[in-house]
Protein backbone atom coordinates (compact mmCIF):
# COMPACT_ATOMS: atom_id res chain seq x y z
CA MET A 1 77.65 -95.43 108.14
CA ALA A 2 80.41 -95.97 105.58
CA ALA A 3 79.55 -98.15 102.60
CA GLN A 4 81.25 -101.54 102.52
CA CYS A 5 83.40 -102.34 99.50
CA HIS A 6 85.48 -105.15 98.09
CA PHE A 7 88.35 -105.12 95.62
CA VAL A 8 88.55 -106.89 92.28
CA ILE A 9 92.06 -107.59 90.97
CA PHE A 10 92.67 -107.46 87.22
CA PRO A 11 96.08 -108.87 86.16
CA TRP A 12 96.13 -106.68 83.02
CA ALA A 13 95.26 -103.40 84.76
CA ASN A 14 98.64 -101.77 84.06
CA MET A 15 99.34 -103.40 80.68
CA ALA A 16 98.86 -102.05 77.17
CA LEU A 17 96.30 -104.19 75.34
CA GLN A 18 95.75 -105.04 71.70
CA ASN A 19 93.09 -106.96 69.77
CA ILE A 20 93.68 -110.66 69.24
CA GLY A 21 94.39 -111.30 65.56
CA ALA A 22 95.96 -108.89 63.08
CA SER A 23 92.74 -108.74 61.02
CA ASN A 24 90.94 -107.17 64.00
CA SER A 25 93.62 -104.60 64.88
CA ASP A 26 91.54 -101.58 63.73
CA ASP A 27 88.30 -102.60 65.51
CA ALA A 28 87.98 -100.34 68.57
CA PHE A 29 85.03 -102.33 69.93
CA TYR A 30 86.55 -105.81 69.55
CA ARG A 31 86.02 -107.69 72.82
CA TYR A 32 88.93 -110.17 72.63
CA LYS A 33 92.17 -108.56 73.76
CA MET A 34 95.63 -109.59 74.92
CA PRO A 35 98.61 -107.72 76.41
CA LYS A 36 101.22 -106.32 74.03
CA MET A 37 104.39 -108.40 74.07
CA ILE A 38 107.25 -107.30 76.34
CA THR A 39 110.71 -108.81 75.81
CA LYS A 40 114.06 -108.49 77.54
CA ILE A 41 117.53 -109.53 76.35
CA GLU A 42 119.49 -111.39 79.04
CA GLY A 43 123.07 -112.68 79.19
CA ARG A 44 126.06 -112.18 76.91
CA GLY A 45 127.98 -114.02 74.20
CA ASN A 46 126.90 -117.61 73.64
CA GLY A 47 124.59 -117.44 76.66
CA ILE A 48 122.44 -114.58 75.36
CA LYS A 49 118.69 -115.23 75.58
CA THR A 50 115.40 -113.44 74.95
CA ASN A 51 112.95 -113.41 77.83
CA ILE A 52 109.28 -112.89 76.92
CA VAL A 53 108.40 -111.19 80.19
CA ASN A 54 104.58 -111.36 79.96
CA MET A 55 104.24 -114.70 78.15
CA VAL A 56 101.99 -116.08 80.90
CA ASP A 57 99.51 -113.20 80.52
CA ILE A 58 99.47 -113.51 76.72
CA ALA A 59 98.92 -117.27 76.88
CA LYS A 60 96.12 -116.78 79.41
CA ALA A 61 94.36 -114.36 77.04
CA LEU A 62 94.68 -116.88 74.19
CA HIS A 63 93.50 -119.79 76.39
CA ARG A 64 96.62 -121.74 75.48
CA PRO A 65 99.48 -123.07 77.64
CA ALA A 66 102.48 -120.75 77.71
CA SER A 67 104.66 -123.75 76.82
CA TYR A 68 102.92 -123.97 73.41
CA THR A 69 103.74 -120.40 72.39
CA THR A 70 107.30 -120.66 73.72
CA LYS A 71 107.91 -123.93 71.86
CA TYR A 72 106.43 -122.41 68.67
CA PHE A 73 108.97 -119.57 68.79
CA GLY A 74 111.79 -122.11 69.09
CA CYS A 75 110.48 -124.21 66.19
CA GLU A 76 110.11 -121.21 63.87
CA LEU A 77 113.44 -119.58 64.81
CA GLY A 78 115.44 -122.83 64.86
CA ALA A 79 116.56 -122.08 68.41
CA GLN A 80 116.20 -123.79 71.76
CA SER A 81 113.29 -122.53 73.84
CA LYS A 82 111.95 -123.39 77.26
CA PHE A 83 109.10 -122.41 79.54
CA ASP A 84 109.75 -122.91 83.26
CA GLU A 85 106.54 -123.97 85.02
CA LYS A 86 107.95 -123.06 88.46
CA THR A 87 109.20 -119.54 87.75
CA PHE A 88 106.78 -118.85 84.85
CA THR A 89 109.60 -117.61 82.61
CA SER A 90 109.68 -118.01 78.83
CA LEU A 91 113.19 -118.07 77.28
CA VAL A 92 114.35 -118.37 73.67
CA ASN A 93 118.07 -118.71 72.90
CA GLY A 94 119.52 -115.78 70.98
CA ALA A 95 118.68 -112.07 70.73
CA HIS A 96 115.37 -111.51 68.94
CA ASP A 97 113.42 -108.31 68.25
CA THR A 98 110.01 -107.84 69.87
CA ALA A 99 108.45 -107.12 66.46
CA LYS A 100 109.77 -110.40 65.04
CA LEU A 101 108.42 -112.44 67.96
CA ALA A 102 105.08 -110.58 67.78
CA GLY A 103 104.83 -111.54 64.10
CA LEU A 104 105.43 -115.19 64.96
CA LEU A 105 102.76 -114.93 67.67
CA GLU A 106 100.26 -113.74 65.04
CA ASN A 107 101.04 -116.85 62.97
CA PHE A 108 100.49 -119.01 66.07
CA ILE A 109 97.10 -117.33 66.64
CA LYS A 110 96.00 -118.03 63.04
CA LYS A 111 97.06 -121.69 63.21
CA TYR A 112 96.20 -122.68 66.78
CA VAL A 113 93.75 -120.12 68.22
CA GLN A 114 91.34 -118.54 65.72
CA CYS A 115 88.43 -120.51 64.26
CA TYR A 116 88.99 -121.27 60.57
CA GLY A 117 85.27 -120.67 59.96
CA CYS A 118 84.36 -117.41 61.73
CA GLY A 119 87.74 -116.15 62.98
CA ASN A 120 86.66 -116.14 66.64
CA PRO A 121 89.59 -116.78 69.02
CA GLU A 122 87.49 -118.64 71.58
CA THR A 123 88.37 -122.18 70.53
CA GLU A 124 89.36 -125.37 72.31
CA ILE A 125 92.13 -127.73 71.21
CA ILE A 126 90.81 -131.29 70.85
CA ILE A 127 92.97 -134.33 70.08
CA THR A 128 91.00 -137.02 68.23
CA LYS A 129 91.33 -140.79 68.64
CA THR A 130 93.38 -140.87 65.44
CA GLN A 131 95.89 -138.40 66.96
CA MET A 132 94.72 -135.46 64.86
CA ILE A 133 94.52 -131.95 66.33
CA THR A 134 91.32 -129.94 65.82
CA LEU A 135 89.99 -126.58 67.07
CA LYS A 136 86.36 -126.51 68.21
CA CYS A 137 84.81 -123.04 68.11
CA ALA A 138 82.67 -122.10 71.12
CA ALA A 139 80.81 -119.45 69.07
CA CYS A 140 79.76 -121.17 65.84
CA GLY A 141 80.58 -124.83 66.58
CA PHE A 142 82.88 -125.16 63.56
CA VAL A 143 85.65 -127.77 63.90
CA SER A 144 88.94 -126.72 62.26
CA ASP A 145 91.57 -129.27 61.21
CA VAL A 146 95.10 -128.19 62.13
CA ASP A 147 97.89 -128.89 59.62
CA MET A 148 99.72 -131.86 61.17
CA ARG A 149 102.88 -131.09 59.15
CA ASP A 150 103.65 -128.21 61.51
CA LYS A 151 106.47 -128.94 63.98
CA LEU A 152 104.48 -127.81 67.03
CA THR A 153 101.84 -130.53 66.54
CA THR A 154 104.26 -133.21 67.79
CA PHE A 155 104.84 -131.23 70.99
CA ILE A 156 101.07 -130.75 71.51
CA LEU A 157 100.40 -134.48 71.08
CA LYS A 158 103.05 -135.24 73.71
CA ASN A 159 101.76 -132.48 76.00
CA PRO A 160 97.96 -132.37 75.50
CA PRO A 161 96.03 -129.44 77.02
CA GLU A 162 93.98 -129.92 80.16
CA GLN A 163 90.29 -130.44 79.45
CA LYS A 164 87.97 -127.77 80.82
CA LYS A 165 85.93 -128.87 83.82
CA ALA A 166 82.37 -127.64 83.97
CA SER A 167 81.79 -125.39 86.98
CA LYS A 168 78.98 -125.87 89.49
CA ASP A 169 77.30 -122.71 88.22
CA LYS A 170 77.19 -124.06 84.65
CA LYS A 171 75.76 -127.38 85.82
CA GLY A 172 73.13 -125.50 87.83
CA MET A 173 72.20 -123.44 84.75
CA ARG A 174 71.80 -126.59 82.67
CA ARG A 175 69.60 -128.21 85.32
CA ALA A 176 67.46 -125.09 85.59
CA GLU A 177 67.15 -124.99 81.78
CA LYS A 178 65.99 -128.64 81.72
CA GLU A 179 63.42 -127.92 84.43
CA ARG A 180 62.09 -124.92 82.46
CA LEU A 181 61.81 -127.10 79.35
CA LYS A 182 59.83 -129.73 81.27
CA GLU A 183 57.50 -127.06 82.67
CA GLY A 184 57.01 -125.66 79.16
CA GLU A 185 56.15 -129.09 77.76
CA ALA A 186 53.65 -129.67 80.58
CA ALA A 187 52.03 -126.29 79.85
CA ASP A 188 51.78 -127.17 76.14
CA GLU A 189 50.00 -130.44 76.96
CA GLU A 190 47.49 -128.61 79.18
CA GLN A 191 46.77 -126.11 76.40
CA LYS A 192 46.18 -128.95 73.93
CA LYS A 193 43.70 -130.59 76.33
CA LEU A 194 41.84 -127.29 76.76
CA LYS A 195 41.63 -126.83 72.98
CA LYS A 196 40.20 -130.33 72.55
CA GLU A 197 37.56 -129.65 75.25
CA THR A 198 36.52 -126.36 73.66
CA LYS A 199 36.21 -128.07 70.26
CA LYS A 200 33.91 -130.72 71.75
CA LYS A 201 31.74 -128.07 73.41
CA GLY A 202 31.62 -126.01 70.22
CA THR A 203 30.25 -128.83 68.04
CA VAL A 204 26.70 -128.27 66.86
CA SER A 205 24.38 -130.88 68.30
CA SER A 206 21.05 -129.68 66.86
CA LYS A 207 19.79 -130.69 63.43
CA ASP A 208 19.29 -127.03 62.50
CA GLY A 209 22.98 -126.40 63.07
CA ALA A 210 23.92 -129.38 60.94
CA GLY A 211 21.55 -128.25 58.24
CA SER A 212 23.01 -124.73 58.16
CA LYS A 213 26.51 -126.23 57.75
CA ARG A 214 25.30 -128.31 54.81
CA GLU A 215 23.83 -125.20 53.19
CA GLU A 216 27.15 -123.34 53.58
CA LYS A 217 28.98 -126.29 51.97
CA ASN A 218 26.54 -126.29 49.06
CA VAL A 219 27.05 -122.53 48.53
CA ASN A 220 30.83 -122.95 48.59
CA GLN A 221 30.59 -125.85 46.14
CA GLU A 222 28.48 -123.75 43.76
CA LYS A 223 31.08 -120.94 43.89
CA LYS A 224 33.85 -123.39 43.03
CA GLU A 225 31.86 -124.77 40.08
CA GLU A 226 31.24 -121.24 38.77
CA ALA A 227 34.92 -120.47 39.00
CA LEU A 228 35.76 -123.65 37.06
CA LYS A 229 33.23 -122.74 34.34
CA ILE A 230 35.01 -119.45 33.67
CA GLY A 231 38.08 -121.46 32.61
CA PRO A 232 41.74 -120.55 32.29
CA GLU A 233 41.03 -116.85 31.82
CA VAL A 234 40.90 -116.42 35.62
CA VAL A 235 44.42 -116.15 37.06
CA GLU A 236 44.88 -116.51 40.80
CA LYS A 237 46.42 -113.49 42.48
CA PRO A 238 49.66 -114.14 44.35
CA SER A 239 49.43 -114.29 48.14
CA THR A 240 50.41 -111.32 50.30
CA HIS A 241 53.72 -113.00 51.15
CA ASN A 242 54.61 -113.70 47.52
CA GLN A 243 53.48 -110.22 46.46
CA LEU A 244 55.80 -108.67 49.06
CA ILE A 245 58.71 -110.78 47.83
CA ILE A 246 58.07 -109.67 44.24
CA GLU A 247 57.97 -105.99 45.28
CA ILE A 248 61.16 -106.24 47.36
CA LYS A 249 63.04 -108.02 44.55
CA ALA A 250 61.96 -105.31 42.13
CA MET A 251 63.26 -102.63 44.49
CA LEU A 252 66.56 -104.50 44.89
CA LYS A 253 67.00 -104.57 41.11
CA LYS A 254 66.40 -100.82 40.96
CA GLY A 255 69.17 -100.33 43.51
CA SER A 256 66.97 -99.03 46.31
CA LYS A 257 68.61 -98.13 49.61
CA PRO A 258 68.30 -100.61 52.53
CA SER A 259 66.09 -98.18 54.49
CA GLU A 260 63.60 -97.97 51.58
CA LEU A 261 62.93 -101.72 51.43
CA SER A 262 60.96 -102.01 54.67
CA SER A 263 59.15 -98.67 54.46
CA SER A 264 55.74 -98.09 52.86
CA MET A 265 55.05 -101.81 52.44
CA PRO A 266 51.63 -103.36 53.07
CA GLY A 267 51.32 -106.01 55.77
CA SER A 268 52.41 -106.54 59.37
CA HIS A 269 56.01 -106.08 60.52
CA GLN A 270 56.50 -109.85 60.71
CA GLU A 271 55.11 -110.40 57.20
CA ILE A 272 57.39 -107.72 55.77
CA MET A 273 60.43 -109.15 57.61
CA ASN A 274 59.68 -112.70 56.39
CA ALA A 275 59.38 -111.48 52.81
CA LEU A 276 62.52 -109.32 53.08
CA PHE A 277 64.58 -112.23 54.42
CA GLU A 278 63.36 -114.62 51.73
CA ALA A 279 63.88 -112.06 48.95
CA LEU A 280 67.46 -111.41 50.10
CA PHE A 281 68.52 -115.03 50.63
CA GLU A 282 66.29 -117.15 48.40
CA GLY A 283 68.36 -119.98 46.94
CA ALA A 284 71.19 -119.49 49.46
CA GLY A 285 72.26 -122.95 50.62
CA LYS A 286 75.92 -123.49 51.24
CA GLY A 287 77.42 -120.10 51.98
CA PHE A 288 74.20 -118.81 53.61
CA ALA A 289 76.16 -117.26 56.51
CA LYS A 290 78.45 -115.35 54.12
CA GLU A 291 75.41 -113.97 52.28
CA VAL A 292 73.92 -112.81 55.60
CA ASP A 293 77.19 -111.08 56.46
CA LYS A 294 77.25 -109.33 53.05
CA LYS A 295 73.63 -108.14 53.21
CA LYS A 296 73.31 -107.42 56.94
CA LYS A 297 72.98 -103.68 56.18
CA HIS A 298 69.57 -104.38 54.61
CA LEU A 299 68.51 -106.24 57.76
CA ALA A 300 69.96 -103.57 60.08
CA ALA A 301 67.87 -100.91 58.31
CA ALA A 302 64.71 -102.89 59.10
CA VAL A 303 65.58 -103.30 62.80
CA GLN A 304 64.82 -100.43 65.18
CA ASP A 305 63.82 -101.99 68.50
CA GLU A 306 63.45 -105.25 70.43
CA GLU A 307 60.20 -106.15 68.64
CA SER A 308 61.79 -105.83 65.19
CA GLN A 309 64.78 -107.92 66.35
CA MET A 310 62.36 -110.70 67.36
CA CYS A 311 60.68 -110.41 63.94
CA LEU A 312 64.08 -110.79 62.25
CA LEU A 313 64.96 -113.87 64.30
CA ARG A 314 61.57 -115.46 63.55
CA ALA A 315 62.05 -114.66 59.86
CA MET A 316 65.44 -116.44 59.89
CA GLU A 317 63.83 -119.38 61.69
CA ALA A 318 61.00 -119.56 59.12
CA PHE A 319 63.47 -119.31 56.22
CA CYS A 320 65.68 -122.12 57.56
CA GLY A 321 62.60 -124.23 58.29
CA LYS A 322 61.22 -123.70 54.78
CA PHE A 323 64.46 -124.30 52.91
CA VAL A 324 65.90 -127.16 54.96
CA GLY A 325 69.42 -128.04 53.81
CA ASP A 326 72.79 -126.36 53.97
CA ALA A 327 71.28 -123.05 55.16
CA VAL A 328 70.06 -124.44 58.48
CA LYS A 329 73.53 -125.87 59.17
CA GLU A 330 74.97 -122.33 59.00
CA VAL A 331 72.31 -120.64 61.14
CA SER A 332 74.76 -120.37 64.06
CA LEU A 333 77.33 -118.54 61.90
CA ALA A 334 74.61 -116.29 60.47
CA ALA A 335 73.31 -115.36 63.94
CA LYS A 336 76.83 -114.62 65.16
CA SER A 337 77.44 -112.35 62.16
CA LEU A 338 74.31 -110.34 62.99
CA TYR A 339 75.30 -110.26 66.67
CA ASP A 340 78.83 -109.03 65.89
CA GLY A 341 77.37 -106.41 63.54
CA ASP A 342 75.15 -105.03 66.35
CA VAL A 343 72.00 -105.97 64.40
CA LEU A 344 70.87 -108.37 67.15
CA GLU A 345 71.24 -108.09 70.93
CA GLU A 346 71.98 -110.95 73.30
CA GLU A 347 68.74 -110.53 75.28
CA CYS A 348 66.58 -110.88 72.16
CA ILE A 349 68.51 -113.91 70.92
CA MET A 350 68.10 -115.71 74.27
CA LYS A 351 64.39 -114.80 74.46
CA TRP A 352 63.79 -116.11 70.92
CA TYR A 353 65.70 -119.35 71.66
CA LYS A 354 63.71 -120.07 74.84
CA GLU A 355 60.41 -119.39 73.06
CA GLY A 356 61.43 -121.69 70.22
CA LEU A 357 62.28 -124.61 72.51
CA THR A 358 58.81 -124.55 74.04
CA GLY A 359 56.86 -123.45 70.95
CA ALA A 360 55.18 -125.26 68.10
CA SER A 361 58.45 -125.55 66.15
CA LYS A 362 60.50 -127.01 69.01
CA SER A 363 61.42 -130.04 66.87
CA SER A 364 62.97 -127.81 64.17
CA ALA A 365 66.61 -128.43 63.22
CA VAL A 366 67.25 -124.71 63.80
CA TRP A 367 67.50 -125.16 67.59
CA LYS A 368 70.04 -127.97 67.32
CA ASN A 369 72.26 -125.99 64.96
CA ILE A 370 72.00 -122.69 66.88
CA LYS A 371 72.81 -124.35 70.23
CA PRO A 372 76.65 -123.86 70.06
CA PHE A 373 76.18 -120.10 69.62
CA ILE A 374 73.64 -119.95 72.46
CA GLU A 375 75.96 -121.83 74.83
CA TRP A 376 78.77 -119.48 73.86
CA LEU A 377 76.59 -116.46 74.73
CA GLN A 378 75.60 -118.02 78.06
CA ASN A 379 79.18 -118.80 79.07
CA ALA A 380 80.96 -115.74 77.63
CA GLU A 381 80.12 -113.34 80.47
CA SER A 382 80.70 -115.78 83.36
CA GLU A 383 83.98 -117.03 81.90
CA SER A 384 85.31 -113.50 81.30
CA GLU A 385 84.74 -112.75 85.00
CA ASP A 386 86.37 -115.95 86.25
CA GLU A 387 89.16 -116.52 83.73
CA PHE A 388 91.86 -114.72 85.78
CA ALA A 389 90.84 -115.92 89.26
CA ASP A 390 93.62 -118.52 89.39
CA HIS A 391 96.22 -116.46 87.53
CA PRO A 392 99.70 -117.89 88.37
CA SER A 393 101.32 -114.45 88.50
CA ALA A 394 98.60 -112.77 90.58
CA ASP A 395 100.77 -112.68 93.71
CA ARG A 396 103.81 -111.34 91.80
CA THR A 397 102.26 -108.49 89.85
CA GLY A 398 101.11 -106.05 92.53
CA PHE A 399 98.30 -104.63 90.41
CA LYS A 400 95.96 -102.17 92.04
CA GLY A 401 92.39 -103.22 92.82
CA THR A 402 89.30 -101.32 91.73
CA PRO A 403 86.79 -100.66 94.58
CA VAL A 404 83.23 -101.78 93.90
CA TYR A 405 80.64 -100.55 96.40
CA SER A 406 77.75 -102.81 97.34
CA ASP A 407 75.21 -99.98 97.49
CA ASN A 408 76.37 -98.40 94.20
CA SER A 409 77.52 -95.29 96.03
CA LEU A 410 81.04 -93.93 96.43
CA LYS A 411 82.41 -93.41 99.87
């Protein structure tokens, strides 16, 4: 029996693509792409115009209305421009080179698309109550203030973007997440009750038991008194954690390679990772995320598998919990930097986040500050699959579908 198949239509299947943002042009693995601009000169004499043929596809990739980009070209070139919502055509008066318009598009992306904090293009335009335009980043949560002196801002205020409506799938995910949190809290309460019961059973009821405890206390007290008698000559040895930090700092001063820092060190993997993280970023408050981005090679050298990734995430959590301040506010940016640098994988990040919400440190400020990045990870895959479903030019393009077989076999 022949395998059943269905076709998935991709509007960009026959288009040349490029990375969004000039700063990312050389990154072969950059995930955010848009079609290369195609223009066409129409008319003659005073009626000559430039038609940006694929403006709708470019605007869709940037998550911005095509009218915004078209109007921006007109403002910058000092020419009349218009986007027709019925025919989906973008026209600018005059004959203009493709390279010139592409350069203006890059300026539009910097001002109205990319996050001013992390450079991610997945932002949403928000108009405040005071009629100011801001960009909210879905990856790091940073809110960028747009320069209101730009001519396009007046057009945006008069033609605000449509607010995204949460899909049923997203609402279902949120409900399921809340239910899992409630189940986790209930499990924690049961464990606490069991611990209390075991403590009550473990208490020594006999007088002999109480007497033996008193004897142990007396012995410990005598040891303390002897130590005090020795005086200031006895110097306490640093703890294992502090000793590891001292050793790692010494190796950093010597200029040791990143791979040498985590090797041949005493202690468990988690202890070494905690010490490495604190040695690298001790004192980093404001600008913590930038420091992580600079020194991520040291962290990458210490990460080999899923277990070591979890150790790294727990080390970052412990660091932000210990040095509460500006560092914890930038934990989302720091995590994104490690994710973009292939140091951390999405599965490990989500596993660590879920464990943290139900663990002993569930009240930590880390989870509140990392939430924008987690939501971005959750929505990135589903949105990338659905973002072209309602494409206005889908019926006009005639792109070929790609067969996907339900039983993973080719006919």
